[in-house]
Protein backbone atom coordinates (compact mmCIF):
# COMPACT_ATOMS: atom_id res chain seq x y z
CA MET A 1 40.12 1.35 127.06
CA LYS A 2 41.47 2.02 123.59
CA ALA A 3 45.16 2.25 122.76
CA ALA A 4 47.07 2.75 119.54
CA LEU A 5 50.59 3.00 118.23
CA VAL A 6 50.37 6.19 116.18
CA SER A 7 52.68 7.92 113.73
CA GLY A 8 52.34 11.33 112.15
CA THR A 9 52.72 15.07 112.50
CA PRO A 10 50.64 17.84 114.11
CA ASP A 11 48.63 18.01 110.87
CA GLY A 12 47.93 14.32 110.38
CA VAL A 13 48.20 11.07 112.33
CA ALA A 14 47.34 7.45 111.67
CA ALA A 15 47.04 4.40 113.91
CA VAL A 16 49.59 1.69 113.08
CA GLU A 17 48.53 -0.88 115.70
CA GLN A 18 45.46 -0.85 117.94
CA ARG A 19 44.49 -2.55 121.18
CA ARG A 20 41.39 -2.64 123.37
CA ARG A 21 40.60 -3.93 126.81
CA PRO A 22 37.86 -3.41 129.40
CA THR A 23 38.33 -0.37 131.61
CA ARG A 24 38.81 -1.23 135.27
CA PRO A 25 37.61 1.38 137.77
CA GLY A 26 40.11 3.28 139.90
CA GLY A 27 43.13 5.38 139.02
CA ASP A 28 45.73 2.78 140.03
CA ALA A 29 44.10 0.11 137.86
CA VAL A 30 43.94 2.47 134.89
CA VAL A 31 47.62 3.36 135.21
CA GLU A 32 48.56 -0.32 135.49
CA ASP A 33 46.64 -1.15 132.31
CA VAL A 34 47.99 1.90 130.45
CA VAL A 35 51.56 0.90 131.27
CA ALA A 36 50.89 -2.68 130.12
CA LEU A 37 49.47 -1.40 126.83
CA VAL A 38 52.41 0.96 126.31
CA ASP A 39 54.83 -1.93 126.86
CA GLU A 40 52.86 -4.12 124.46
CA LEU A 41 52.83 -1.49 121.72
CA ARG A 42 56.49 -0.58 122.20
CA ALA A 43 57.34 -4.23 121.59
CA VAL A 44 55.81 -4.15 118.09
CA ALA A 45 57.00 -0.66 117.14
CA GLY A 46 59.76 -0.26 114.59
CA PRO A 47 61.30 3.10 115.52
CA PRO A 48 61.51 3.90 119.24
CA VAL A 49 58.34 5.28 120.77
CA GLU A 50 58.92 8.95 121.62
CA ALA A 51 56.03 9.80 123.93
CA VAL A 52 52.73 8.70 125.43
CA GLY A 53 49.45 10.54 125.03
CA LEU A 54 46.95 9.69 127.78
CA VAL A 55 43.43 11.08 127.97
CA VAL A 56 40.79 10.25 130.57
CA PRO A 57 37.16 11.16 131.29
CA GLY A 58 35.75 13.35 134.03
CA ILE A 59 37.26 16.57 135.32
CA VAL A 60 40.98 16.86 134.60
CA ASP A 61 43.78 19.29 135.39
CA GLU A 62 45.99 19.15 132.30
CA ALA A 63 48.69 21.39 133.79
CA ALA A 64 49.07 19.21 136.88
CA GLY A 65 48.58 15.95 134.98
CA THR A 66 45.82 14.96 137.38
CA GLY A 67 42.46 13.27 137.00
CA VAL A 68 40.47 15.47 139.38
CA TYR A 69 37.19 13.52 139.43
CA SER A 70 35.40 10.77 137.53
CA ALA A 71 31.85 9.88 138.52
CA ASN A 72 31.84 6.72 136.39
CA LEU A 73 35.34 5.39 137.14
CA GLY A 74 35.74 6.46 140.73
CA TRP A 75 38.88 8.52 141.20
CA ARG A 76 39.74 11.86 142.76
CA ASP A 77 42.98 13.80 142.26
CA HIS A 78 44.88 10.90 140.71
CA PRO A 79 48.40 11.78 139.41
CA PHE A 80 48.12 10.03 136.05
CA ARG A 81 50.90 11.79 134.16
CA ALA A 82 53.52 11.40 136.88
CA ALA A 83 52.62 7.75 137.40
CA VAL A 84 52.79 6.86 133.69
CA GLU A 85 56.04 8.77 133.16
CA ALA A 86 57.63 7.03 136.14
CA ALA A 87 56.57 3.58 134.97
CA THR A 88 57.38 3.98 131.25
CA GLY A 89 60.25 6.46 131.25
CA LEU A 90 58.50 8.32 128.45
CA PRO A 91 57.30 11.94 128.39
CA THR A 92 53.53 11.85 128.73
CA ALA A 93 50.96 14.32 127.45
CA PHE A 94 47.81 14.26 129.56
CA GLY A 95 44.35 15.55 128.81
CA HIS A 96 40.61 15.02 128.67
CA ASP A 97 39.24 12.29 126.43
CA VAL A 98 36.46 14.35 124.88
CA ARG A 99 38.63 17.42 124.28
CA ALA A 100 41.27 15.19 122.68
CA GLY A 101 38.64 13.65 120.40
CA GLY A 102 37.48 17.17 119.60
CA LEU A 103 41.03 18.15 118.66
CA ALA A 104 41.19 15.20 116.27
CA GLU A 105 37.85 16.11 114.68
CA LEU A 106 39.00 19.75 114.39
CA ARG A 107 42.27 18.90 112.65
CA LEU A 108 41.32 15.74 110.76
CA GLY A 109 37.56 15.21 110.77
CA SER A 110 34.11 16.78 110.57
CA ALA A 111 35.04 20.11 112.20
CA ARG A 112 37.96 21.00 109.91
CA ASP A 113 36.15 23.96 108.32
CA LEU A 114 34.67 25.31 111.56
CA THR A 115 35.80 28.16 113.80
CA ASP A 116 33.20 27.73 116.55
CA ALA A 117 31.71 24.32 117.20
CA VAL A 118 30.66 21.84 119.85
CA ILE A 119 31.97 18.31 119.42
CA MET A 120 29.83 16.01 121.52
CA PRO A 121 30.44 12.28 121.77
CA ILE A 122 27.55 10.35 123.30
CA GLY A 123 28.54 7.18 125.11
CA THR A 124 28.49 6.05 128.75
CA GLY A 125 28.29 9.75 129.53
CA ILE A 126 28.01 12.98 127.57
CA ALA A 127 30.58 15.75 127.48
CA ALA A 128 31.65 18.22 124.82
CA ALA A 129 34.76 19.75 123.35
CA LEU A 130 34.13 23.44 122.79
CA VAL A 131 35.90 24.86 119.75
CA LEU A 132 36.12 28.63 120.14
CA GLY A 133 38.00 30.81 117.70
CA GLY A 134 39.45 27.76 115.97
CA ARG A 135 40.94 26.23 119.13
CA VAL A 136 39.73 23.62 121.59
CA SER A 137 38.85 25.43 124.80
CA PRO A 138 40.08 24.07 128.15
CA ALA A 139 36.57 24.61 129.54
CA PRO A 140 35.04 21.47 131.10
CA GLY A 141 32.26 21.19 128.51
CA GLU A 142 30.13 18.98 130.78
CA VAL A 143 26.93 19.34 128.77
CA GLY A 144 25.79 15.99 130.11
CA HIS A 145 25.42 17.49 133.58
CA VAL A 146 23.23 20.41 132.61
CA ASP A 147 19.82 20.25 134.33
CA VAL A 148 17.14 20.14 131.63
CA GLY A 149 14.25 19.70 134.02
CA HIS A 150 13.17 16.04 133.81
CA GLY A 151 13.97 15.36 137.48
CA ASP A 152 15.56 11.92 137.12
CA PRO A 153 18.62 11.26 139.34
CA CYS A 154 22.09 11.21 137.80
CA GLY A 155 25.24 9.42 138.93
CA CYS A 156 26.87 12.80 139.57
CA GLY A 157 24.44 13.48 142.44
CA GLN A 158 22.25 16.00 140.62
CA ARG A 159 18.82 15.55 139.08
CA GLY A 160 17.60 16.42 135.61
CA CYS A 161 20.93 15.94 133.80
CA VAL A 162 21.04 15.50 130.01
CA GLU A 163 23.19 12.41 130.55
CA ALA A 164 20.59 10.72 132.75
CA ARG A 165 18.28 10.38 129.74
CA ALA A 166 20.33 10.85 126.56
CA SER A 167 23.55 8.89 127.09
CA SER A 168 23.82 5.50 125.43
CA ALA A 169 23.93 3.85 128.86
CA ALA A 170 20.82 5.72 130.02
CA ILE A 171 18.84 4.80 126.91
CA ALA A 172 19.59 1.10 127.40
CA ARG A 173 18.86 1.26 131.13
CA ARG A 174 15.63 3.20 130.76
CA TYR A 175 14.35 0.88 128.05
CA ALA A 176 15.06 -2.16 130.25
CA GLU A 177 13.18 -0.54 133.14
CA ARG A 178 10.23 0.45 130.98
CA ALA A 179 9.87 -2.75 128.94
CA ASN A 180 11.07 -5.15 131.66
CA ARG A 181 13.49 -6.53 129.11
CA GLN A 182 17.28 -6.34 129.06
CA VAL A 183 19.01 -4.98 125.96
CA SER A 184 22.66 -5.03 124.94
CA GLY A 185 22.85 -1.26 124.51
CA ALA A 186 21.43 1.82 122.82
CA ALA A 187 22.05 0.30 119.38
CA GLU A 188 19.55 -2.44 120.19
CA VAL A 189 17.01 0.15 121.33
CA ALA A 190 17.52 1.90 117.98
CA ARG A 191 16.78 -1.37 116.15
CA LEU A 192 13.65 -1.86 118.26
CA LEU A 193 12.62 1.71 117.45
CA GLU A 194 12.88 0.99 113.73
CA ALA A 195 10.82 -2.17 114.26
CA GLY A 196 8.01 -0.14 115.80
CA ASP A 197 8.50 -0.95 119.48
CA PRO A 198 6.45 1.65 121.45
CA ASP A 199 8.69 1.48 124.54
CA ALA A 200 11.75 2.15 122.40
CA ALA A 201 9.94 5.08 120.78
CA ALA A 202 9.08 6.61 124.16
CA VAL A 203 12.63 6.27 125.53
CA TRP A 204 14.14 7.61 122.29
CA GLU A 205 11.81 10.62 122.25
CA GLU A 206 12.73 11.53 125.82
CA ALA A 207 16.44 11.14 125.03
CA VAL A 208 16.14 13.38 121.97
CA ASP A 209 14.28 16.00 124.01
CA ALA A 210 16.96 16.04 126.73
CA LEU A 211 19.74 16.25 124.16
CA ALA A 212 17.98 19.05 122.26
CA ARG A 213 17.56 21.06 125.46
CA GLY A 214 21.23 20.64 126.27
CA ILE A 215 22.22 21.80 122.80
CA LEU A 216 19.80 24.73 123.11
CA LEU A 217 21.62 25.95 126.21
CA VAL A 218 24.97 25.69 124.43
CA ALA A 219 23.49 27.58 121.47
CA ALA A 220 22.27 30.34 123.77
CA LEU A 221 25.67 30.70 125.46
CA LEU A 222 28.13 30.11 122.61
CA GLY A 223 26.26 30.27 119.29
CA PRO A 224 28.28 27.50 117.59
CA GLU A 225 28.18 27.03 113.83
CA ALA A 226 27.65 23.30 114.28
CA VAL A 227 27.30 20.49 116.79
CA VAL A 228 29.31 17.42 115.78
CA LEU A 229 27.77 14.30 117.30
CA GLY A 230 30.02 11.32 117.97
CA GLY A 231 30.20 8.22 120.10
CA GLY A 232 28.12 5.08 119.81
CA LEU A 233 24.76 6.81 119.64
CA ALA A 234 25.80 8.84 116.59
CA LEU A 235 26.02 5.55 114.65
CA ALA A 236 22.21 5.74 114.55
CA GLY A 237 22.69 8.50 111.93
CA PRO A 238 19.43 10.04 110.71
CA LEU A 239 17.50 8.06 113.31
CA LEU A 240 19.10 10.47 115.78
CA THR A 241 19.78 13.61 113.77
CA ASP A 242 16.36 13.90 112.08
CA PRO A 243 14.23 13.98 115.26
CA LEU A 244 16.92 15.96 117.08
CA GLY A 245 16.88 18.62 114.37
CA GLU A 246 13.08 18.74 114.46
CA ARG A 247 13.05 19.12 118.25
CA LEU A 248 15.66 21.89 118.08
CA ASP A 249 13.53 23.73 115.53
CA GLU A 250 10.56 23.49 117.92
CA LEU A 251 12.53 24.79 120.91
CA ILE A 252 14.66 27.54 119.35
CA THR A 253 13.41 31.10 119.53
CA PHE A 254 16.29 33.60 119.27
CA GLN A 255 19.29 31.27 119.39
CA ARG A 256 21.53 30.57 116.41
CA ARG A 257 20.45 27.19 115.03
CA PRO A 258 23.57 25.00 114.87
CA GLU A 259 24.07 22.60 112.01
CA LEU A 260 24.05 18.97 113.15
CA ARG A 261 26.94 16.87 111.83
CA LEU A 262 28.13 13.34 112.50
CA ALA A 263 31.72 12.82 113.63
CA ALA A 264 34.09 11.42 111.00
CA LEU A 265 36.63 9.56 113.13
CA GLY A 266 34.40 7.21 115.09
CA ASP A 267 35.88 5.65 118.20
CA GLU A 268 39.41 6.34 116.92
CA ALA A 269 39.04 10.04 117.75
CA GLY A 270 40.24 9.79 121.34
CA CYS A 271 43.37 7.81 120.46
CA LEU A 272 44.23 10.10 117.57
CA GLY A 273 43.63 13.16 119.73
CA ALA A 274 45.86 11.76 122.48
CA ALA A 275 48.57 11.24 119.87
CA LEU A 276 48.16 14.83 118.65
CA LEU A 277 48.61 16.05 122.23
CA ALA A 278 51.80 14.02 122.52
CA ILE A 279 53.13 15.29 119.18
CA ASP A 280 52.28 18.90 120.12
CA MET A 281 54.12 18.40 123.42
CA LEU A 282 57.22 17.15 121.60
CA GLU A 283 57.02 20.00 119.07
CA ASP A 284 56.89 22.56 121.89
CA ARG A 285 60.04 21.24 123.58
């Protein structure tokens, strides 16, 4: 869980203070920790804090302020906005973590010059913010749960999902299963790949293929100018983008070939996007 005390305007925000803590599963636990973080950051703020911006993963209902479903964190129909407003006394903007990060990249980062784009952070799971006509669409953008045909089970209950092979968590898990050796995460698999480890190479190739097939579907449906890759896996840089671009070139027939870009805001994107949602909410009042 990432939190920040943020100041700024709809056109530019900056984190003043930042906090992190492990995410506990369950909606009640998340609300409890959010409220504790808000109290902690209010205590160090100079001017009074005006609002809270809260964004969560999974399927969300922004209008109702509800976390509809999270496969990884285990909630259904949790009233996040109402609970945080009641506990903090502050107006709370509520949204989806990936779409909020996409909003930050659109206004402040690597998508600033784009009208149609897919902003795709790759972490524990994979989702996407869809920028259509210069605005972040409210569409779910669950690219990670597109079936690309490999047949492996996914935590969502389906098989063949992009996320089951290409997420950072999946890469680490699949390497450990293949090599019978635990790794700290996808970054370690990337280091082993560079060192010539054949198991790392096999897992990485399968991840790139799944990701390319997911992007191909998005290209066929939406024709974005670019795909902006974020999250922990994007820190691999050319180790990811070079083979991904090559695999896209092999797969594409008629689809518009999207440019591949790396996100500019790193793991600050979600916090900054949540702040932009809160500022937009205050501006609209």
